[in-house]
Each structure stands twice: as C-alpha cells, then as structure tokens.
C-alpha cells in the first residue's frame, strides 16, 4: 500500500503533532466535563439536602410553637390563644407544602405524610372539643407523637446529607479511576503515534541520506527515488538530476582517458621503436654514453606504455562498475589459475607460493575476482625479496568467503594505509629490478570488491597483509547490479 504524504515537510510535522496531541486534548476535555458534572451534582445534592434539613428543623420548631399555643388555648380558652394557634398552624401548613415539594426520599416522604395526618387529627380534635379540660388531657400524647415524627424527619435529613456525601465520594473515586485508566490507555496510544510519525518523518530523511552516501561512494547506477512530502520528493528529483550529471561527467572522463590514451600510443610506439633501433645498432654503432641514453629511452617508453594500459584498465573498470556477471564460482580454482598465470614472474624471483585454501564457493563474477587476486599477487611478487615467501589463504567466516595475501616485502606503513587504495597513488617503492606501477591496481581492486558488496583491509604484518571478504550468497543489492 502506497503512503500518501502531504505536500510539504512542515505540513507533515503539523499533522503529526496535531494527531499526537488529539488524544491528550480529548483526555483533558473529557476530564474537564467529568469534573464539571461532578461539581454540579455535588452542589445540587448538597443544596437540596441542606434545604430539606433546614425545612425539617423549621417544621419541628413550628410544631413546638403549635403545641404551646394549643395547650394555652385548651387551658385558658381565650380567643387570643386560638388566633395564635391558627397563625402557627398556617405557618406549619406552608412549611409542610414547601417540604413536600422538595426532593425527598421515600422514607422522608412517608414520615412527612404521617406528620400531616397526625397534625390533622389533633386539629380536628381541637375544633370539635373546644377549650375543655378533656382537651388539655388529650393534647400532650398527640403532640408528643408529632414531635417524635418531626425529630425523626430531621434525623433522616441528616442521614440524607451523609448519604449524599458518601455518593459524592463514590463518584469522585469513580472519576479518578476513569481518569487513571484513560491516562494508562493514552500512554501507549501516544507512544505508538509518536513512533509512527517518527518513522514517517525519518523515512524520507533516511532515503536522502542513503542517496547522498551512494553518490559520495560513486554508485551512480540506481536511480534516486525519495518517498515523502512534496518538498522531499522534489529534493529526491534534484538528487537524481545530480546523479545523472555525475554519470555524464564520469562518461566524459572515461572517454577522455580512452581518447588521450589512444592518442599517446602512436608517438609512444614510434619512440619505443626508435629506441630499440638505436639499442640494436641498426643505424650504427653507439658509444657508451649513447647506449645509456638509448637504454633510458627504452625503459621510460616501457613504463609509459604500462601507465597508458593502466589508464585504459581503470576507465574500463568504471565503464563496467554497475555490471556483475555473477554465478556460483569455486574460488580455489580461481586462485590456482591466478598463480599459474604469474608463474614466470614467480620462478624468475625464486619465490615460494604457500597455498592454504579451503573448498569455498561464492556467488560472484569470476573474471573480476581473478583481476582482484591477480593485482594482489602481482604486488606481493613485485615487493617480495628474492627467494621470498608469498602466502595465500582462503576460508569461510560466517557468511563470507575470506581471502588473505601475505608477503615478506617492506610492508605498508600505517600512515599510508588510508591512501593505499586511491587511484594513481604509489607508496613504498618496489625494488630496483621491478618496473614501476601505475598506482591503479589497488584502486581497481577496491572498485571490484565494492561491486561485490565486500570489503578489503590492510592488516599488521612484517610484510604487506591484505584481507578481503565477499558474501558467499546472493544478496538483494548484488542481484540488482547483476
């Protein structure tokens, strides 16, 4: 599935931060709503409970005043006390109606109904009997029961307050647990979102970084394609344009090397033939000084020819830098072939070749491996002393085939090891009897090893000690190159 990126990298960042912040904002909003609802319920519950309690206490005090005025009327029988009783009863009835309209529990509403029935019975008795001694005897019992019911109603109000507080505590605990689990759920969600957008942001940056590294290492064969926001895609297109320009410049350089090398061959051939004629005495006998000059011309023409051949080989390496004719190759046979090709030079210097090769096969380009080993063996023979020893090893290590070439020559100084694979660079000079090289052999070795996705390094030793690794199995990058 192809990812669809926004048009700019900044838009991707803004979208990423917005999506990561969305769960956090949702959590804050949910918590704010929950606590607002809890606060509203708390305020409403406390307000209602306090009103019920206050009204219950007022009702109790009104019943007490009603009892006092009723007893005074029963004892004295004066109309003034009857008026006071009626006024107190009016207040009582008003409070009872207000209390009945409030949010009461079932038990409170039952007690209030019982108080109203008892008070109505006492009132009917007072109206029926009037101020007589028998009335004063009946009132205490009726009012005592009424006061007890009113006190019970007050206690129920207090109980309702306590119950409301307990419910608020339970709701607060529930809200706290909800917030806790919401935070617990948001942490992995936020981490997953951060990881996803980090990958989305890092992916095009990594592709750009790999593309720049490939250009710096001279790998121009694979087109550059960057997936991401529009500005990153445009940056990838510019890098691919740069790659194409570098390919064109590399091709121009190769053509220049080929043309200049070809143009140099014609005068070089004439120079060498002329020096050969002078040395052979065909045009007349030469004195000692003239023969020395002819010898110098002859040796330098040979060295110049080798330099030109090196340039041609180096340009050919770059022309084939993206091609591998890979197959399964028995590497021990390649080593024996290289040693046999160098047999004349080996015998001429009396060098002993020590082979310590295991049976190893690898998926590689046989001809390029042969060129690598031929250059390493050629250097080892050139720099080895007369009757010296050159050791060649081949073995497996993990998934690689490992080659080691050692000689007993002067070795490579530590300061020169970083540049030994650079083109046209020559470090320690060969013995006087050897022809100077072009400085391109090890550069070609490095190019071919890199083409196989391998590595080569210089190790410590009394002489030169090279170790090369190449993968034994087909890899994705090498398959594409092949």
Protein backbone atom coordinates (compact mmCIF):
# COMPACT_ATOMS: atom_id res chain seq x y z
CA UNK A 1 0.00 0.00 0.00
CA UNK A 2 1.44 3.34 -1.07
CA UNK A 3 1.56 6.05 1.58
CA UNK A 4 0.13 9.45 0.69
CA UNK A 5 2.22 12.30 2.12
CA UNK A 6 1.24 15.96 2.39
CA UNK A 7 2.78 18.48 0.03
CA UNK A 8 5.39 19.85 2.43
CA UNK A 9 7.55 18.56 5.25
CA UNK A 10 6.21 21.29 7.54
CA UNK A 11 2.65 20.12 6.87
CA UNK A 12 3.69 16.58 7.83
CA UNK A 13 5.13 17.86 11.10
CA UNK A 14 1.99 19.86 11.87
CA UNK A 15 -0.27 16.91 11.08
CA UNK A 16 1.88 14.63 13.21
CA UNK A 17 1.86 16.96 16.21
CA UNK A 18 -1.90 17.51 15.81
CA UNK A 19 -2.69 13.79 15.75
CA UNK A 20 -0.38 13.06 18.69
CA UNK A 21 -1.91 15.95 20.67
CA UNK A 22 -5.50 14.94 19.82
CA UNK A 23 -5.74 12.11 22.42
CA UNK A 24 -4.24 14.35 25.07
CA UNK A 25 -6.71 17.13 24.29
CA UNK A 26 -9.54 14.58 24.29
CA UNK A 27 -8.43 13.35 27.72
CA UNK A 28 -8.27 16.89 29.09
CA UNK A 29 -11.69 17.74 27.64
CA UNK A 30 -13.24 14.53 28.99
CA UNK A 31 -11.76 15.13 32.42
CA UNK A 32 -12.99 18.72 32.43
CA UNK A 33 -16.52 17.59 31.54
CA UNK A 34 -16.46 14.81 34.14
CA UNK A 35 -15.28 17.10 36.92
CA UNK A 36 -17.74 19.82 35.86
CA UNK A 37 -20.57 17.31 36.01
CA UNK A 38 -19.34 16.05 39.37
CA UNK A 39 -19.12 19.58 40.73
CA UNK A 40 -22.65 20.35 39.52
CA UNK A 41 -24.07 17.21 41.05
CA UNK A 42 -22.22 17.89 44.27
CA UNK A 43 -23.55 21.42 44.52
CA UNK A 44 -27.11 20.35 43.69
CA UNK A 45 -27.09 17.42 46.10
CA UNK A 46 -25.67 19.46 48.97
CA UNK A 47 -28.07 22.33 48.31
CA UNK A 48 -31.10 20.07 48.27
CA UNK A 49 -30.01 18.19 51.36
CA UNK A 50 -29.38 21.42 53.27
CA UNK A 51 -32.78 22.84 52.24
CA UNK A 52 -34.55 19.65 53.36
CA UNK A 53 -32.73 19.69 56.69
CA UNK A 54 -33.42 23.37 57.27
CA UNK A 55 -37.08 22.97 56.39
CA UNK A 56 -37.34 19.90 58.66
CA UNK A 57 -35.86 21.82 61.57
CA UNK A 58 -38.17 24.78 60.87
CA UNK A 59 -41.10 22.37 60.75
CA UNK A 60 -40.06 20.94 64.13
CA UNK A 61 -39.86 24.39 65.70
CA UNK A 62 -43.24 25.32 64.17
CA UNK A 63 -44.82 22.15 65.62
CA UNK A 64 -43.38 23.09 69.02
CA UNK A 65 -44.93 26.57 68.76
CA UNK A 66 -48.18 24.98 67.57
CA UNK A 67 -48.23 22.69 70.61
CA UNK A 68 -47.60 25.58 73.00
CA UNK A 69 -50.42 27.73 71.56
CA UNK A 70 -52.81 24.73 71.50
CA UNK A 71 -52.18 23.95 75.17
CA UNK A 72 -52.62 27.59 76.13
CA UNK A 73 -55.95 27.65 74.30
CA UNK A 74 -57.05 24.38 75.95
CA UNK A 75 -56.25 25.72 79.45
CA UNK A 76 -57.33 29.39 79.17
CA UNK A 77 -59.91 29.12 76.41
CA UNK A 78 -59.31 32.71 75.26
CA UNK A 79 -59.74 33.64 71.57
CA UNK A 80 -56.25 35.26 71.56
CA UNK A 81 -54.60 31.86 72.04
CA UNK A 82 -56.85 30.35 69.36
CA UNK A 83 -55.70 33.06 66.93
CA UNK A 84 -52.06 32.29 67.81
CA UNK A 85 -52.75 28.59 67.24
CA UNK A 86 -54.30 29.29 63.83
CA UNK A 87 -51.38 31.53 62.85
CA UNK A 88 -48.87 28.84 63.90
CA UNK A 89 -50.86 26.19 62.01
CA UNK A 90 -50.89 28.37 58.92
CA UNK A 91 -47.09 28.57 59.04
CA UNK A 92 -46.95 24.83 59.65
CA UNK A 93 -49.11 24.07 56.62
CA UNK A 94 -46.99 26.37 54.44
CA UNK A 95 -43.77 24.67 55.56
CA UNK A 96 -45.31 21.23 55.08
CA UNK A 97 -46.27 22.10 51.50
CA UNK A 98 -42.81 23.50 50.77
CA UNK A 99 -41.15 20.45 52.27
CA UNK A 100 -43.44 18.14 50.31
CA UNK A 101 -42.41 19.89 47.07
CA UNK A 102 -38.74 19.16 47.73
CA UNK A 103 -36.77 16.11 46.52
CA UNK A 104 -37.37 13.77 49.47
CA UNK A 105 -36.52 10.16 49.91
CA UNK A 106 -39.34 7.64 50.21
CA UNK A 107 -38.80 7.35 53.96
CA UNK A 108 -38.82 11.13 54.41
CA UNK A 109 -41.99 11.47 52.36
CA UNK A 110 -43.70 8.75 54.42
CA UNK A 111 -42.75 10.48 57.70
CA UNK A 112 -43.97 13.82 56.38
CA UNK A 113 -47.32 12.27 55.38
CA UNK A 114 -47.65 10.72 58.83
CA UNK A 115 -46.89 14.09 60.47
CA UNK A 116 -49.58 15.74 58.33
CA UNK A 117 -52.15 13.08 59.29
CA UNK A 118 -51.32 13.30 62.98
CA UNK A 119 -51.48 17.09 62.93
CA UNK A 120 -54.78 16.98 61.07
CA UNK A 121 -56.18 14.62 63.71
CA UNK A 122 -55.04 16.96 66.52
CA UNK A 123 -56.57 19.93 64.72
CA UNK A 124 -59.87 18.10 64.25
CA UNK A 125 -59.92 17.27 67.96
CA UNK A 126 -59.28 20.91 68.93
CA UNK A 127 -62.04 22.18 66.60
CA UNK A 128 -64.53 19.56 67.82
CA UNK A 129 -63.95 19.76 71.55
CA UNK A 130 -63.04 23.40 72.09
CA UNK A 131 -61.43 24.69 75.33
CA UNK A 132 -62.48 21.99 77.81
CA UNK A 133 -60.42 20.15 80.44
CA UNK A 134 -60.63 16.91 78.44
CA UNK A 135 -58.82 18.59 75.53
CA UNK A 136 -55.86 19.51 77.69
CA UNK A 137 -55.54 15.85 78.67
CA UNK A 138 -55.53 14.58 75.06
CA UNK A 139 -53.10 17.11 73.58
CA UNK A 140 -49.82 16.00 75.20
CA UNK A 141 -49.93 12.47 73.78
CA UNK A 142 -50.82 13.62 70.27
CA UNK A 143 -48.19 16.35 70.17
CA UNK A 144 -45.53 14.07 71.67
CA UNK A 145 -46.02 11.64 68.78
CA UNK A 146 -45.99 14.53 66.32
CA UNK A 147 -42.72 15.92 67.74
CA UNK A 148 -41.14 12.48 67.61
CA UNK A 149 -42.10 12.17 63.95
CA UNK A 150 -40.69 15.64 63.23
CA UNK A 151 -37.43 14.79 65.01
CA UNK A 152 -37.23 11.58 63.02
CA UNK A 153 -37.68 13.64 59.86
CA UNK A 154 -34.76 15.89 60.90
CA UNK A 155 -32.59 12.84 61.55
CA UNK A 156 -33.50 11.46 58.15
CA UNK A 157 -32.39 14.77 56.62
CA UNK A 158 -29.04 14.46 58.35
CA UNK A 159 -28.81 10.89 57.13
CA UNK A 160 -29.57 12.03 53.58
CA UNK A 161 -26.73 14.56 53.82
CA UNK A 162 -24.34 11.85 54.99
CA UNK A 163 -25.58 9.56 52.22
CA UNK A 164 -25.11 12.31 49.64
CA UNK A 165 -21.57 12.91 50.83
CA UNK A 166 -20.88 9.18 50.55
CA UNK A 167 -22.28 9.15 47.00
CA UNK A 168 -20.14 12.14 46.09
CA UNK A 169 -17.09 10.35 47.40
CA UNK A 170 -18.01 7.30 45.34
CA UNK A 171 -18.48 9.44 42.24
CA UNK A 172 -15.16 11.19 42.87
CA UNK A 173 -13.44 7.83 43.23
CA UNK A 174 -15.08 6.63 40.02
CA UNK A 175 -13.99 9.77 38.18
CA UNK A 176 -10.46 9.37 39.49
CA UNK A 177 -10.36 5.75 38.32
CA UNK A 178 -11.72 6.77 34.92
CA UNK A 179 -9.02 9.43 34.58
CA UNK A 180 -6.35 6.93 35.66
CA UNK A 181 -7.36 4.29 33.11
CA UNK A 182 -7.77 6.93 30.44
CA UNK A 183 -4.19 8.08 31.04
CA UNK A 184 -3.00 4.46 31.04
CA UNK A 185 -4.70 3.94 27.68
CA UNK A 186 -3.37 7.18 26.24
CA UNK A 187 0.29 6.47 27.05
CA UNK A 188 0.73 3.53 24.59
CA UNK A 189 -1.51 5.31 22.08
CA UNK A 190 0.65 8.43 22.22
CA UNK A 191 3.84 6.34 22.08
CA UNK A 192 2.53 4.43 19.04
CA UNK A 193 1.54 7.65 17.28
CA UNK A 194 4.90 9.24 18.06
CA UNK A 195 6.69 6.14 16.75
CA UNK A 196 4.59 6.09 13.58
CA UNK A 197 5.17 9.75 12.77
CA UNK A 198 8.85 9.46 13.69
CA UNK A 199 9.09 6.68 11.10
CA UNK A 200 7.19 8.74 8.55
CA UNK A 201 9.49 11.71 9.14
CA UNK A 202 12.71 9.69 9.33
CA UNK A 203 11.96 7.58 6.25
CA UNK A 204 12.43 10.28 3.57
CA UNK A 205 15.37 11.74 5.51
CA UNK A 206 16.99 8.29 5.57
CA UNK A 207 16.37 7.87 1.84
CA UNK A 208 18.00 11.23 1.15
CA UNK A 209 20.94 10.32 3.41
CA UNK A 210 21.42 6.95 1.67
CA UNK A 211 21.21 8.59 -1.73
CA UNK A 212 23.86 11.18 -0.82
CA UNK A 213 26.09 8.42 0.59
CA UNK A 214 25.68 6.38 -2.60
CA UNK A 215 26.64 9.42 -4.69
CA UNK A 216 29.65 10.04 -2.48
CA UNK A 217 30.77 6.42 -2.89
CA UNK A 218 30.40 6.64 -6.68
CA UNK A 219 27.37 4.35 -7.09
CA UNK A 220 25.50 6.03 -9.93
CA UNK A 221 23.67 3.06 -11.48
CA UNK A 222 20.50 3.04 -9.35
CA UNK A 223 18.04 5.94 -9.84
CA UNK A 224 17.27 8.02 -6.77
CA UNK A 225 13.66 7.97 -5.62
CA UNK A 226 12.53 9.61 -2.37
CA UNK A 227 9.05 8.98 -0.96
CA UNK A 228 7.58 11.61 1.34
CA UNK A 229 6.16 15.12 1.32
CA UNK A 230 6.27 17.12 -1.87
CA UNK A 231 9.36 19.11 -0.96
CA UNK A 232 11.25 15.90 -0.07
CA UNK A 233 10.15 14.32 -3.37
CA UNK A 234 11.46 17.38 -5.22
CA UNK A 235 14.73 17.10 -3.29
CA UNK A 236 14.97 13.45 -4.45
CA UNK A 237 14.37 14.56 -8.03
CA UNK A 238 17.18 17.11 -7.72
CA UNK A 239 19.49 14.43 -6.33
CA UNK A 240 18.60 12.16 -9.24
CA UNK A 241 19.35 15.04 -11.63
CA UNK A 242 22.72 15.39 -9.87
CA UNK A 243 23.28 11.63 -10.25
CA UNK A 244 22.62 11.87 -13.99
CA UNK A 245 25.02 14.79 -14.27
CA UNK A 246 27.69 12.81 -12.41
CA UNK A 247 27.09 9.84 -14.71
CA UNK A 248 27.53 12.12 -17.70
CA UNK A 249 30.71 13.62 -16.25
CA UNK A 250 32.04 10.15 -15.47
CA UNK A 251 31.34 9.07 -19.04
CA UNK A 252 33.12 12.18 -20.33
CA UNK A 253 36.09 11.43 -18.13
CA UNK A 254 36.19 7.82 -19.35
CA UNK A 255 36.01 8.91 -22.99
CA UNK A 256 38.76 11.46 -22.35
CA UNK A 257 41.00 8.81 -20.80
CA UNK A 258 40.36 6.43 -23.67
CA UNK A 259 40.98 9.08 -26.32
CA UNK A 260 44.11 10.51 -24.72
CA UNK A 261 45.49 7.02 -24.11
CA UNK A 262 44.86 6.07 -27.72
CA UNK A 263 46.43 9.29 -28.98
CA UNK A 264 49.52 8.69 -26.84
CA UNK A 265 50.05 5.21 -28.19
CA UNK A 266 51.09 6.36 -31.69
CA UNK A 267 54.01 8.63 -30.68
CA UNK A 268 54.91 6.19 -27.92
CA UNK A 269 55.19 3.36 -30.43
CA UNK A 270 57.48 5.44 -32.61
CA UNK A 271 59.59 6.41 -29.60
CA UNK A 272 59.95 2.81 -28.46
CA UNK A 273 60.80 1.51 -31.95
CA UNK A 274 63.35 4.24 -32.39
CA UNK A 275 64.99 3.46 -29.05
CA UNK A 276 65.02 -0.24 -29.96
CA UNK A 277 66.72 0.53 -33.27
CA UNK A 278 69.33 2.66 -31.56
CA UNK A 279 69.99 0.00 -28.92
CA UNK A 280 70.34 -2.78 -31.52
CA UNK A 281 72.91 -0.75 -33.54
CA UNK A 282 70.98 -0.96 -36.78
CA UNK A 283 71.67 2.71 -37.55
CA UNK A 284 75.29 2.46 -36.48
CA UNK A 285 77.45 1.63 -33.53
CA UNK A 286 76.91 3.74 -30.39
CA UNK A 287 79.41 4.72 -27.79
CA UNK A 288 78.78 4.06 -24.07
CA UNK A 289 77.05 7.35 -23.38
CA UNK A 290 74.78 6.96 -26.41
CA UNK A 291 73.85 3.39 -25.39
CA UNK A 292 72.98 4.67 -21.90
CA UNK A 293 70.69 7.32 -23.38
CA UNK A 294 69.05 4.70 -25.61
CA UNK A 295 68.54 2.43 -22.58
CA UNK A 296 66.89 5.25 -20.61
CA UNK A 297 64.57 5.99 -23.56
CA UNK A 298 63.69 2.31 -23.86
CA UNK A 299 62.92 1.85 -20.13
CA UNK A 300 60.82 5.01 -19.91
CA UNK A 301 58.86 4.09 -23.03
CA UNK A 302 58.04 0.74 -21.39
CA UNK A 303 56.92 2.49 -18.18
CA UNK A 304 54.84 4.97 -20.16
CA UNK A 305 53.18 2.09 -22.02
CA UNK A 306 52.25 0.46 -18.71
CA UNK A 307 50.83 3.75 -17.44
CA UNK A 308 48.66 4.06 -20.55
CA UNK A 309 47.47 0.46 -20.19
CA UNK A 310 46.64 1.18 -16.55
CA UNK A 311 44.57 4.20 -17.56
CA UNK A 312 42.68 2.07 -20.08
CA UNK A 313 42.05 -0.63 -17.48
CA UNK A 314 40.91 1.95 -14.94
CA UNK A 315 38.46 3.52 -17.40
CA UNK A 316 37.20 0.04 -18.30
CA UNK A 317 36.57 -0.67 -14.62
CA UNK A 318 34.40 2.44 -14.30
CA UNK A 319 32.61 1.66 -17.53
CA UNK A 320 31.62 -1.75 -16.07
CA UNK A 321 31.15 -0.52 -12.49
CA UNK A 322 27.46 -1.42 -12.42
CA UNK A 323 27.72 -4.85 -14.10
CA UNK A 324 28.32 -8.22 -12.48
CA UNK A 325 28.34 -11.44 -14.48
CA UNK A 326 27.66 -13.37 -11.28
CA UNK A 327 27.38 -17.13 -10.85
CA UNK A 328 28.48 -19.84 -8.41
CA UNK A 329 32.29 -19.92 -8.62
CA UNK A 330 34.74 -22.38 -6.93
CA UNK A 331 37.22 -19.86 -5.56
CA UNK A 332 40.09 -22.28 -5.02
CA UNK A 333 40.23 -22.92 -8.77
CA UNK A 334 40.40 -19.16 -9.41
CA UNK A 335 43.39 -18.86 -7.05
CA UNK A 336 45.23 -21.69 -8.81
CA UNK A 337 44.56 -20.06 -12.18
CA UNK A 338 45.99 -16.72 -10.98
CA UNK A 339 49.09 -18.39 -9.53
CA UNK A 340 49.65 -20.26 -12.80
CA UNK A 341 49.32 -17.02 -14.82
CA UNK A 342 52.05 -15.42 -12.67
CA UNK A 343 54.30 -18.47 -12.77
CA UNK A 344 57.06 -16.88 -14.89
CA UNK A 345 57.48 -13.89 -12.57
CA UNK A 346 57.33 -16.18 -9.52
CA UNK A 347 60.00 -18.53 -10.88
CA UNK A 348 62.20 -15.62 -12.03
CA UNK A 349 62.48 -14.34 -8.44
CA UNK A 350 62.60 -17.79 -6.87
CA UNK A 351 59.52 -17.01 -4.77
CA UNK A 352 57.77 -19.82 -2.91
CA UNK A 353 53.96 -19.74 -3.00
CA UNK A 354 52.22 -21.23 0.03
CA UNK A 355 48.53 -22.07 -0.60
CA UNK A 356 46.24 -22.73 2.34
CA UNK A 357 42.86 -22.81 0.63
CA UNK A 358 39.65 -24.45 1.71
CA UNK A 359 36.98 -25.56 -0.75
CA UNK A 360 34.81 -22.44 -0.86
CA UNK A 361 32.23 -21.43 -3.49
CA UNK A 362 30.62 -17.99 -3.80
CA UNK A 363 28.08 -16.18 -5.96
CA UNK A 364 30.36 -13.69 -7.74
CA UNK A 365 31.87 -12.51 -11.04
CA UNK A 366 34.71 -14.94 -11.74
CA UNK A 367 36.65 -12.60 -14.03
CA UNK A 368 36.54 -9.70 -11.58
CA UNK A 369 37.64 -11.95 -8.71
CA UNK A 370 40.50 -13.10 -10.92
CA UNK A 371 41.53 -9.47 -11.57
CA UNK A 372 41.40 -8.73 -7.81
CA UNK A 373 43.60 -11.70 -6.92
CA UNK A 374 45.93 -11.07 -9.86
CA UNK A 375 46.59 -7.49 -8.68
CA UNK A 376 47.16 -8.58 -5.07
CA UNK A 377 49.50 -11.41 -6.13
CA UNK A 378 51.30 -9.16 -8.64
CA UNK A 379 52.04 -6.61 -5.88
CA UNK A 380 53.13 -9.37 -3.48
CA UNK A 381 55.57 -10.80 -6.07
CA UNK A 382 56.87 -7.36 -7.05
CA UNK A 383 57.61 -6.27 -3.49
CA UNK A 384 58.87 -9.62 -2.18
CA UNK A 385 62.62 -10.17 -1.93
CA UNK A 386 64.45 -12.83 -3.91
CA UNK A 387 63.59 -16.34 -2.64
CA UNK A 388 60.81 -14.85 -0.54
CA UNK A 389 57.54 -16.40 0.61
CA UNK A 390 54.03 -15.38 -0.51
CA UNK A 391 51.13 -16.93 1.38
CA UNK A 392 47.56 -17.12 0.03
CA UNK A 393 44.69 -18.22 2.29
CA UNK A 394 41.04 -18.93 1.54
CA UNK A 395 38.47 -19.86 4.18
CA UNK A 396 34.87 -19.33 5.31
CA UNK A 397 33.87 -16.95 8.07
CA UNK A 398 30.18 -16.64 8.88
CA UNK A 399 28.52 -15.87 5.53
CA UNK A 400 31.66 -14.59 3.78
CA UNK A 401 34.48 -16.01 1.72
CA UNK A 402 37.75 -14.59 3.08
CA UNK A 403 41.00 -14.17 1.08
CA UNK A 404 44.34 -13.27 2.66
CA UNK A 405 47.51 -12.44 0.72
CA UNK A 406 50.79 -12.00 2.67
CA UNK A 407 54.33 -11.30 1.51
CA UNK A 408 57.75 -10.72 3.07
CA UNK A 409 58.34 -7.34 1.47
CA UNK A 410 58.78 -3.95 3.18
CA UNK A 411 55.07 -3.77 4.07
CA UNK A 412 52.78 -0.74 4.07
CA UNK A 413 53.41 1.99 6.67
CA UNK A 414 50.49 2.84 8.92
CA UNK A 415 50.41 6.41 7.60
CA UNK A 416 49.96 5.14 4.02
CA UNK A 417 47.21 2.56 4.66
CA UNK A 418 44.40 5.11 4.39
CA UNK A 419 45.54 6.05 0.83
CA UNK A 420 46.78 2.74 -0.49
CA UNK A 421 43.54 2.16 -2.46
CA UNK A 422 43.45 5.65 -4.01
CA UNK A 423 43.86 5.89 -7.76
CA UNK A 424 47.35 6.93 -9.08
CA UNK A 425 48.86 6.79 -5.60
CA UNK A 426 52.10 4.89 -5.02
CA UNK A 427 53.63 4.46 -1.62
CA UNK A 428 56.69 2.34 -0.88
CA UNK A 429 58.78 1.89 -3.98
CA UNK A 430 59.38 -1.55 -5.42
CA UNK A 431 62.88 -2.99 -5.65
CA UNK A 432 65.09 -1.51 -8.33
CA UNK A 433 64.71 -4.57 -10.51
CA UNK A 434 60.93 -4.16 -10.78
CA UNK A 435 59.11 -1.90 -13.21
CA UNK A 436 57.20 0.91 -11.52
CA UNK A 437 53.44 0.52 -11.49
CA UNK A 438 50.74 3.00 -12.45
CA UNK A 439 49.17 3.22 -8.99
CA UNK A 440 45.84 1.90 -10.34
CA UNK A 441 45.96 -1.79 -9.39
CA UNK A 442 44.68 -1.49 -5.80
CA UNK A 443 42.15 1.15 -6.86
CA UNK A 444 40.70 -1.39 -9.32
CA UNK A 445 40.73 -3.98 -6.53
CA UNK A 446 38.69 -1.68 -4.28
CA UNK A 447 36.17 -0.95 -7.07
CA UNK A 448 35.58 -4.63 -7.78
CA UNK A 449 35.34 -5.58 -4.10
CA UNK A 450 32.77 -2.83 -3.51
CA UNK A 451 30.81 -4.06 -6.53
CA UNK A 452 30.54 -7.46 -4.78
CA UNK A 453 29.33 -5.74 -1.57
CA UNK A 454 32.52 -6.89 0.10
CA UNK A 455 35.39 -5.27 2.00
CA UNK A 456 39.18 -5.18 1.91
CA UNK A 457 41.61 -4.05 4.58
CA UNK A 458 45.33 -3.88 5.32
CA UNK A 459 46.46 -5.80 8.42
CA UNK A 460 49.58 -5.70 10.55
CA UNK A 461 52.46 -7.89 9.43
CA UNK A 462 56.16 -7.97 8.68
CA UNK A 463 55.21 -7.51 5.02
CA UNK A 464 52.05 -6.45 3.21
CA UNK A 465 48.98 -8.31 4.51
CA UNK A 466 45.64 -7.86 2.70
CA UNK A 467 42.36 -9.41 3.82
CA UNK A 468 39.33 -9.39 1.50
CA UNK A 469 35.77 -10.53 2.24
CA UNK A 470 32.93 -11.14 -0.20
CA UNK A 471 29.48 -12.61 0.57
CA UNK A 472 29.11 -16.24 -0.47
CA UNK A 473 25.38 -15.96 -1.21
CA UNK A 474 23.33 -13.76 -3.50
CA UNK A 475 22.20 -10.51 -1.87
CA UNK A 476 19.43 -8.12 -2.97
CA UNK A 477 21.84 -5.32 -3.92
CA UNK A 478 24.13 -7.64 -5.93
CA UNK A 479 21.15 -9.23 -7.66
CA UNK A 480 20.03 -5.78 -8.84
CA UNK A 481 23.57 -5.00 -10.03
CA UNK A 482 23.79 -8.28 -11.89
